[in-house]
Amino acid sequence: MDQKQSEKERQRLNSYAKYSSLGFQMVGIIGVFTFIGYKIDESTQNQTPYYTAGFSLLGVAISLYFVFKALK
């Protein structure tokens, strides 16, 4: 019985680590794409941050792709 509980606990911790790392990966991807858009807006001196908004949405789409790919 003790070994079965240990195995279940290990599986639970592995899934927790997997899904928490996906969250950090999402934050990293969105952050990098938002930063790229911000720098482009800064260099072109736009009044409205179109590139920041566009690149952040692109980052969200790419990070969701990686999440769905990992869940399959």
PDB file of N, CA and C in Angstrom:
ATOM      1  N   MET A   1       0.809  -1.202   0.000  1.00  0.00           N
ATOM      2  CA  MET A   1       0.000   0.000   0.000  1.00  0.00           C
ATOM      3  C   MET A   1       0.853   1.268   0.000  1.00  0.00           C
ATOM      4  N   ASP A   2       1.929   1.228   0.735  1.00  0.00           N
ATOM      5  CA  ASP A   2       2.770   2.405   0.864  1.00  0.00           C
ATOM      6  C   ASP A   2       3.409   2.793  -0.469  1.00  0.00           C
ATOM      7  N   GLN A   3       3.777   1.798  -1.260  1.00  0.00           N
ATOM      8  CA  GLN A   3       4.393   2.055  -2.551  1.00  0.00           C
ATOM      9  C   GLN A   3       3.383   2.653  -3.533  1.00  0.00           C
ATOM     10  N   LYS A   4       2.128   2.209  -3.474  1.00  0.00           N
ATOM     11  CA  LYS A   4       1.097   2.758  -4.359  1.00  0.00           C
ATOM     12  C   LYS A   4       0.838   4.221  -4.033  1.00  0.00           C
ATOM     13  N   GLN A   5       0.802   4.556  -2.758  1.00  0.00           N
ATOM     14  CA  GLN A   5       0.585   5.946  -2.364  1.00  0.00           C
ATOM     15  C   GLN A   5       1.759   6.813  -2.806  1.00  0.00           C
ATOM     16  N   SER A   6       2.959   6.277  -2.686  1.00  0.00           N
ATOM     17  CA  SER A   6       4.139   7.011  -3.103  1.00  0.00           C
ATOM     18  C   SER A   6       4.118   7.263  -4.612  1.00  0.00           C
ATOM     19  N   GLU A   7       3.696   6.274  -5.375  1.00  0.00           N
ATOM     20  CA  GLU A   7       3.614   6.415  -6.836  1.00  0.00           C
ATOM     21  C   GLU A   7       2.552   7.452  -7.218  1.00  0.00           C
ATOM     22  N   LYS A   8       1.407   7.433  -6.548  1.00  0.00           N
ATOM     23  CA  LYS A   8       0.355   8.416  -6.831  1.00  0.00           C
ATOM     24  C   LYS A   8       0.829   9.827  -6.494  1.00  0.00           C
ATOM     25  N   GLU A   9       1.533   9.954  -5.388  1.00  0.00           N
ATOM     26  CA  GLU A   9       2.042  11.267  -5.002  1.00  0.00           C
ATOM     27  C   GLU A   9       3.064  11.767  -6.022  1.00  0.00           C
ATOM     28  N   ARG A  10       3.914  10.880  -6.511  1.00  0.00           N
ATOM     29  CA  ARG A  10       4.917  11.253  -7.502  1.00  0.00           C
ATOM     30  C   ARG A  10       4.238  11.690  -8.800  1.00  0.00           C
ATOM     31  N   GLN A  11       3.191  10.986  -9.216  1.00  0.00           N
ATOM     32  CA  GLN A  11       2.463  11.371 -10.429  1.00  0.00           C
ATOM     33  C   GLN A  11       1.797  12.726 -10.249  1.00  0.00           C
ATOM     34  N   ARG A  12       1.249  12.960  -9.069  1.00  0.00           N
ATOM     35  CA  ARG A  12       0.599  14.235  -8.796  1.00  0.00           C
ATOM     36  C   ARG A  12       1.612  15.375  -8.849  1.00  0.00           C
ATOM     37  N   LEU A  13       2.782  15.166  -8.275  1.00  0.00           N
ATOM     38  CA  LEU A  13       3.820  16.198  -8.309  1.00  0.00           C
ATOM     39  C   LEU A  13       4.345  16.416  -9.721  1.00  0.00           C
ATOM     40  N   ASN A  14       4.460  15.356 -10.506  1.00  0.00           N
ATOM     41  CA  ASN A  14       4.903  15.503 -11.893  1.00  0.00           C
ATOM     42  C   ASN A  14       3.915  16.313 -12.714  1.00  0.00           C
ATOM     43  N   SER A  15       2.620  16.052 -12.539  1.00  0.00           N
ATOM     44  CA  SER A  15       1.623  16.817 -13.290  1.00  0.00           C
ATOM     45  C   SER A  15       1.585  18.262 -12.812  1.00  0.00           C
ATOM     46  N   TYR A  16       1.771  18.478 -11.519  1.00  0.00           N
ATOM     47  CA  TYR A  16       1.820  19.849 -10.996  1.00  0.00           C
ATOM     48  C   TYR A  16       2.995  20.609 -11.603  1.00  0.00           C
ATOM     49  N   ALA A  17       4.151  19.977 -11.668  1.00  0.00           N
ATOM     50  CA  ALA A  17       5.334  20.627 -12.244  1.00  0.00           C
ATOM     51  C   ALA A  17       5.124  20.910 -13.729  1.00  0.00           C
ATOM     52  N   LYS A  18       4.503  19.976 -14.425  1.00  0.00           N
ATOM     53  CA  LYS A  18       4.264  20.150 -15.864  1.00  0.00           C
ATOM     54  C   LYS A  18       3.358  21.354 -16.121  1.00  0.00           C
ATOM     55  N   TYR A  19       2.262  21.442 -15.394  1.00  0.00           N
ATOM     56  CA  TYR A  19       1.311  22.522 -15.657  1.00  0.00           C
ATOM     57  C   TYR A  19       1.788  23.861 -15.132  1.00  0.00           C
ATOM     58  N   SER A  20       2.540  23.871 -14.054  1.00  0.00           N
ATOM     59  CA  SER A  20       3.068  25.147 -13.583  1.00  0.00           C
ATOM     60  C   SER A  20       4.150  25.653 -14.528  1.00  0.00           C
ATOM     61  N   SER A  21       4.915  24.760 -15.123  1.00  0.00           N
ATOM     62  CA  SER A  21       5.920  25.201 -16.090  1.00  0.00           C
ATOM     63  C   SER A  21       5.257  25.752 -17.352  1.00  0.00           C
ATOM     64  N   LEU A  22       4.099  25.219 -17.706  1.00  0.00           N
ATOM     65  CA  LEU A  22       3.368  25.775 -18.854  1.00  0.00           C
ATOM     66  C   LEU A  22       2.956  27.216 -18.578  1.00  0.00           C
ATOM     67  N   GLY A  23       2.572  27.501 -17.346  1.00  0.00           N
ATOM     68  CA  GLY A  23       2.208  28.873 -16.992  1.00  0.00           C
ATOM     69  C   GLY A  23       3.386  29.821 -17.119  1.00  0.00           C
ATOM     70  N   PHE A  24       4.550  29.396 -16.619  1.00  0.00           N
ATOM     71  CA  PHE A  24       5.741  30.228 -16.744  1.00  0.00           C
ATOM     72  C   PHE A  24       6.141  30.404 -18.208  1.00  0.00           C
ATOM     73  N   GLN A  25       5.966  29.363 -18.994  1.00  0.00           N
ATOM     74  CA  GLN A  25       6.276  29.445 -20.418  1.00  0.00           C
ATOM     75  C   GLN A  25       5.350  30.449 -21.106  1.00  0.00           C
ATOM     76  N   MET A  26       4.078  30.431 -20.755  1.00  0.00           N
ATOM     77  CA  MET A  26       3.129  31.385 -21.339  1.00  0.00           C
ATOM     78  C   MET A  26       3.521  32.814 -20.996  1.00  0.00           C
ATOM     79  N   VAL A  27       3.838  33.047 -19.727  1.00  0.00           N
ATOM     80  CA  VAL A  27       4.227  34.395 -19.301  1.00  0.00           C
ATOM     81  C   VAL A  27       5.476  34.850 -20.044  1.00  0.00           C
ATOM     82  N   GLY A  28       6.436  33.966 -20.210  1.00  0.00           N
ATOM     83  CA  GLY A  28       7.665  34.317 -20.916  1.00  0.00           C
ATOM     84  C   GLY A  28       7.426  34.663 -22.369  1.00  0.00           C
ATOM     85  N   ILE A  29       6.642  33.847 -23.056  1.00  0.00           N
ATOM     86  CA  ILE A  29       6.375  34.094 -24.481  1.00  0.00           C
ATOM     87  C   ILE A  29       5.615  35.401 -24.667  1.00  0.00           C
ATOM     88  N   ILE A  30       4.572  35.606 -23.877  1.00  0.00           N
ATOM     89  CA  ILE A  30       3.787  36.840 -24.001  1.00  0.00           C
ATOM     90  C   ILE A  30       4.644  38.050 -23.652  1.00  0.00           C
ATOM     91  N   GLY A  31       5.468  37.920 -22.628  1.00  0.00           N
ATOM     92  CA  GLY A  31       6.342  39.026 -22.234  1.00  0.00           C
ATOM     93  C   GLY A  31       7.345  39.401 -23.309  1.00  0.00           C
ATOM     94  N   VAL A  32       7.948  38.410 -23.935  1.00  0.00           N
ATOM     95  CA  VAL A  32       8.937  38.676 -24.984  1.00  0.00           C
ATOM     96  C   VAL A  32       8.275  39.348 -26.178  1.00  0.00           C
ATOM     97  N   PHE A  33       7.120  38.848 -26.601  1.00  0.00           N
ATOM     98  CA  PHE A  33       6.448  39.445 -27.754  1.00  0.00           C
ATOM     99  C   PHE A  33       5.938  40.853 -27.447  1.00  0.00           C
ATOM    100  N   THR A  34       5.473  41.076 -26.238  1.00  0.00           N
ATOM    101  CA  THR A  34       5.037  42.425 -25.853  1.00  0.00           C
ATOM    102  C   THR A  34       6.219  43.383 -25.836  1.00  0.00           C
ATOM    103  N   PHE A  35       7.351  42.926 -25.332  1.00  0.00           N
ATOM    104  CA  PHE A  35       8.555  43.759 -25.307  1.00  0.00           C
ATOM    105  C   PHE A  35       9.007  44.114 -26.724  1.00  0.00           C
ATOM    106  N   ILE A  36       8.954  43.138 -27.627  1.00  0.00           N
ATOM    107  CA  ILE A  36       9.324  43.409 -29.018  1.00  0.00           C
ATOM    108  C   ILE A  36       8.408  44.477 -29.622  1.00  0.00           C
ATOM    109  N   GLY A  37       7.090  44.328 -29.395  1.00  0.00           N
ATOM    110  CA  GLY A  37       6.152  45.317 -29.898  1.00  0.00           C
ATOM    111  C   GLY A  37       6.370  46.688 -29.293  1.00  0.00           C
ATOM    112  N   TYR A  38       6.695  46.722 -27.999  1.00  0.00           N
ATOM    113  CA  TYR A  38       6.961  47.993 -27.323  1.00  0.00           C
ATOM    114  C   TYR A  38       8.182  48.678 -27.927  1.00  0.00           C
ATOM    115  N   LYS A  39       9.235  47.909 -28.173  1.00  0.00           N
ATOM    116  CA  LYS A  39      10.453  48.494 -28.744  1.00  0.00           C
ATOM    117  C   LYS A  39      10.215  49.001 -30.166  1.00  0.00           C
ATOM    118  N   ILE A  40       9.395  48.288 -30.936  1.00  0.00           N
ATOM    119  CA  ILE A  40       9.087  48.760 -32.291  1.00  0.00           C
ATOM    120  C   ILE A  40       8.283  50.055 -32.215  1.00  0.00           C
ATOM    121  N   ASP A  41       7.289  50.106 -31.325  1.00  0.00           N
ATOM    122  CA  ASP A  41       6.514  51.343 -31.150  1.00  0.00           C
ATOM    123  C   ASP A  41       7.406  52.492 -30.681  1.00  0.00           C
ATOM    124  N   GLU A  42       8.344  52.173 -29.821  1.00  0.00           N
ATOM    125  CA  GLU A  42       9.252  53.198 -29.312  1.00  0.00           C
ATOM    126  C   GLU A  42      10.154  53.737 -30.424  1.00  0.00           C
ATOM    127  N   SER A  43      10.632  52.859 -31.286  1.00  0.00           N
ATOM    128  CA  SER A  43      11.542  53.303 -32.350  1.00  0.00           C
ATOM    129  C   SER A  43      10.812  54.042 -33.462  1.00  0.00           C
ATOM    130  N   THR A  44       9.550  53.692 -33.703  1.00  0.00           N
ATOM    131  CA  THR A  44       8.790  54.391 -34.745  1.00  0.00           C
ATOM    132  C   THR A  44       8.036  55.596 -34.197  1.00  0.00           C
ATOM    133  N   GLN A  45       8.053  55.801 -32.903  1.00  0.00           N
ATOM    134  CA  GLN A  45       7.422  56.936 -32.215  1.00  0.00           C
ATOM    135  C   GLN A  45       5.939  57.060 -32.556  1.00  0.00           C
ATOM    136  N   ASN A  46       5.240  55.935 -32.496  1.00  0.00           N
ATOM    137  CA  ASN A  46       3.803  55.934 -32.733  1.00  0.00           C
ATOM    138  C   ASN A  46       3.064  56.533 -31.535  1.00  0.00           C
ATOM    139  N   GLN A  47       1.980  57.234 -31.807  1.00  0.00           N
ATOM    140  CA  GLN A  47       1.151  57.773 -30.729  1.00  0.00           C
ATOM    141  C   GLN A  47       0.331  56.667 -30.074  1.00  0.00           C
ATOM    142  N   THR A  48      -0.145  55.740 -30.886  1.00  0.00           N
ATOM    143  CA  THR A  48      -0.939  54.612 -30.394  1.00  0.00           C
ATOM    144  C   THR A  48      -0.093  53.350 -30.492  1.00  0.00           C
ATOM    145  N   PRO A  49      -0.027  52.564 -29.425  1.00  0.00           N
ATOM    146  CA  PRO A  49       0.857  51.385 -29.417  1.00  0.00           C
ATOM    147  C   PRO A  49       0.278  50.188 -30.177  1.00  0.00           C
ATOM    148  N   TYR A  50       0.161  50.325 -31.488  1.00  0.00           N
ATOM    149  CA  TYR A  50      -0.401  49.247 -32.305  1.00  0.00           C
ATOM    150  C   TYR A  50       0.489  48.008 -32.313  1.00  0.00           C
ATOM    151  N   TYR A  51       1.785  48.214 -32.427  1.00  0.00           N
ATOM    152  CA  TYR A  51       2.694  47.070 -32.469  1.00  0.00           C
ATOM    153  C   TYR A  51       2.711  46.322 -31.134  1.00  0.00           C
ATOM    154  N   THR A  52       2.650  47.064 -30.041  1.00  0.00           N
ATOM    155  CA  THR A  52       2.618  46.415 -28.728  1.00  0.00           C
ATOM    156  C   THR A  52       1.379  45.544 -28.596  1.00  0.00           C
ATOM    157  N   ALA A  53       0.242  46.080 -29.003  1.00  0.00           N
ATOM    158  CA  ALA A  53      -1.005  45.309 -28.922  1.00  0.00           C
ATOM    159  C   ALA A  53      -0.969  44.107 -29.862  1.00  0.00           C
ATOM    160  N   GLY A  54      -0.493  44.321 -31.067  1.00  0.00           N
ATOM    161  CA  GLY A  54      -0.451  43.237 -32.044  1.00  0.00           C
ATOM    162  C   GLY A  54       0.500  42.116 -31.655  1.00  0.00           C
ATOM    163  N   PHE A  55       1.690  42.495 -31.211  1.00  0.00           N
ATOM    164  CA  PHE A  55       2.659  41.476 -30.832  1.00  0.00           C
ATOM    165  C   PHE A  55       2.261  40.755 -29.548  1.00  0.00           C
ATOM    166  N   SER A  56       1.593  41.463 -28.634  1.00  0.00           N
ATOM    167  CA  SER A  56       1.141  40.776 -27.415  1.00  0.00           C
ATOM    168  C   SER A  56       0.042  39.763 -27.749  1.00  0.00           C
ATOM    169  N   LEU A  57      -0.849  40.101 -28.669  1.00  0.00           N
ATOM    170  CA  LEU A  57      -1.865  39.135 -29.094  1.00  0.00           C
ATOM    171  C   LEU A  57      -1.239  37.961 -29.839  1.00  0.00           C
ATOM    172  N   LEU A  58      -0.216  38.231 -30.622  1.00  0.00           N
ATOM    173  CA  LEU A  58       0.509  37.154 -31.292  1.00  0.00           C
ATOM    174  C   LEU A  58       1.174  36.241 -30.259  1.00  0.00           C
ATOM    175  N   GLY A  59       1.726  36.840 -29.207  1.00  0.00           N
ATOM    176  CA  GLY A  59       2.330  36.058 -28.133  1.00  0.00           C
ATOM    177  C   GLY A  59       1.313  35.186 -27.421  1.00  0.00           C
ATOM    178  N   VAL A  60       0.103  35.711 -27.204  1.00  0.00           N
ATOM    179  CA  VAL A  60      -0.964  34.923 -26.579  1.00  0.00           C
ATOM    180  C   VAL A  60      -1.331  33.745 -27.469  1.00  0.00           C
ATOM    181  N   ALA A  61      -1.453  33.990 -28.772  1.00  0.00           N
ATOM    182  CA  ALA A  61      -1.811  32.917 -29.700  1.00  0.00           C
ATOM    183  C   ALA A  61      -0.730  31.831 -29.736  1.00  0.00           C
ATOM    184  N   ILE A  62       0.513  32.241 -29.765  1.00  0.00           N
ATOM    185  CA  ILE A  62       1.604  31.259 -29.803  1.00  0.00           C
ATOM    186  C   ILE A  62       1.668  30.477 -28.501  1.00  0.00           C
ATOM    187  N   SER A  63       1.493  31.154 -27.373  1.00  0.00           N
ATOM    188  CA  SER A  63       1.548  30.437 -26.099  1.00  0.00           C
ATOM    189  C   SER A  63       0.371  29.477 -25.947  1.00  0.00           C
ATOM    190  N   LEU A  64      -0.802  29.849 -26.441  1.00  0.00           N
ATOM    191  CA  LEU A  64      -1.935  28.923 -26.404  1.00  0.00           C
ATOM    192  C   LEU A  64      -1.694  27.716 -27.301  1.00  0.00           C
ATOM    193  N   TYR A  65      -1.013  27.936 -28.420  1.00  0.00           N
ATOM    194  CA  TYR A  65      -0.653  26.811 -29.289  1.00  0.00           C
ATOM    195  C   TYR A  65       0.217  25.814 -28.534  1.00  0.00           C
ATOM    196  N   PHE A  66       1.211  26.321 -27.804  1.00  0.00           N
ATOM    197  CA  PHE A  66       2.090  25.438 -27.040  1.00  0.00           C
ATOM    198  C   PHE A  66       1.346  24.730 -25.921  1.00  0.00           C
ATOM    199  N   VAL A  67       0.388  25.403 -25.295  1.00  0.00           N
ATOM    200  CA  VAL A  67      -0.394  24.772 -24.224  1.00  0.00           C
ATOM    201  C   VAL A  67      -1.239  23.638 -24.797  1.00  0.00           C
ATOM    202  N   PHE A  68      -1.940  23.906 -25.891  1.00  0.00           N
ATOM    203  CA  PHE A  68      -2.777  22.868 -26.486  1.00  0.00           C
ATOM    204  C   PHE A  68      -1.942  21.693 -27.000  1.00  0.00           C
ATOM    205  N   LYS A  69      -0.768  22.007 -27.516  1.00  0.00           N
ATOM    206  CA  LYS A  69       0.128  20.964 -27.999  1.00  0.00           C
ATOM    207  C   LYS A  69       0.616  20.093 -26.828  1.00  0.00           C
ATOM    208  N   ALA A  70       0.868  20.694 -25.686  1.00  0.00           N
ATOM    209  CA  ALA A  70       1.338  19.944 -24.526  1.00  0.00           C
ATOM    210  C   ALA A  70       0.223  19.119 -23.877  1.00  0.00           C
ATOM    211  N   LEU A  71      -1.014  19.573 -24.007  1.00  0.00           N
ATOM    212  CA  LEU A  71      -2.128  18.866 -23.385  1.00  0.00           C
ATOM    213  C   LEU A  71      -2.541  17.620 -24.160  1.00  0.00           C
ATOM    214  N   LYS A  72      -2.200  17.555 -25.430  1.00  0.00           N
ATOM    215  CA  LYS A  72      -2.584  16.378 -26.239  1.00  0.00           C
ATOM    216  C   LYS A  72      -1.744  15.205 -25.930  1.00  0.00           C
TER     217      LYS A  72
END
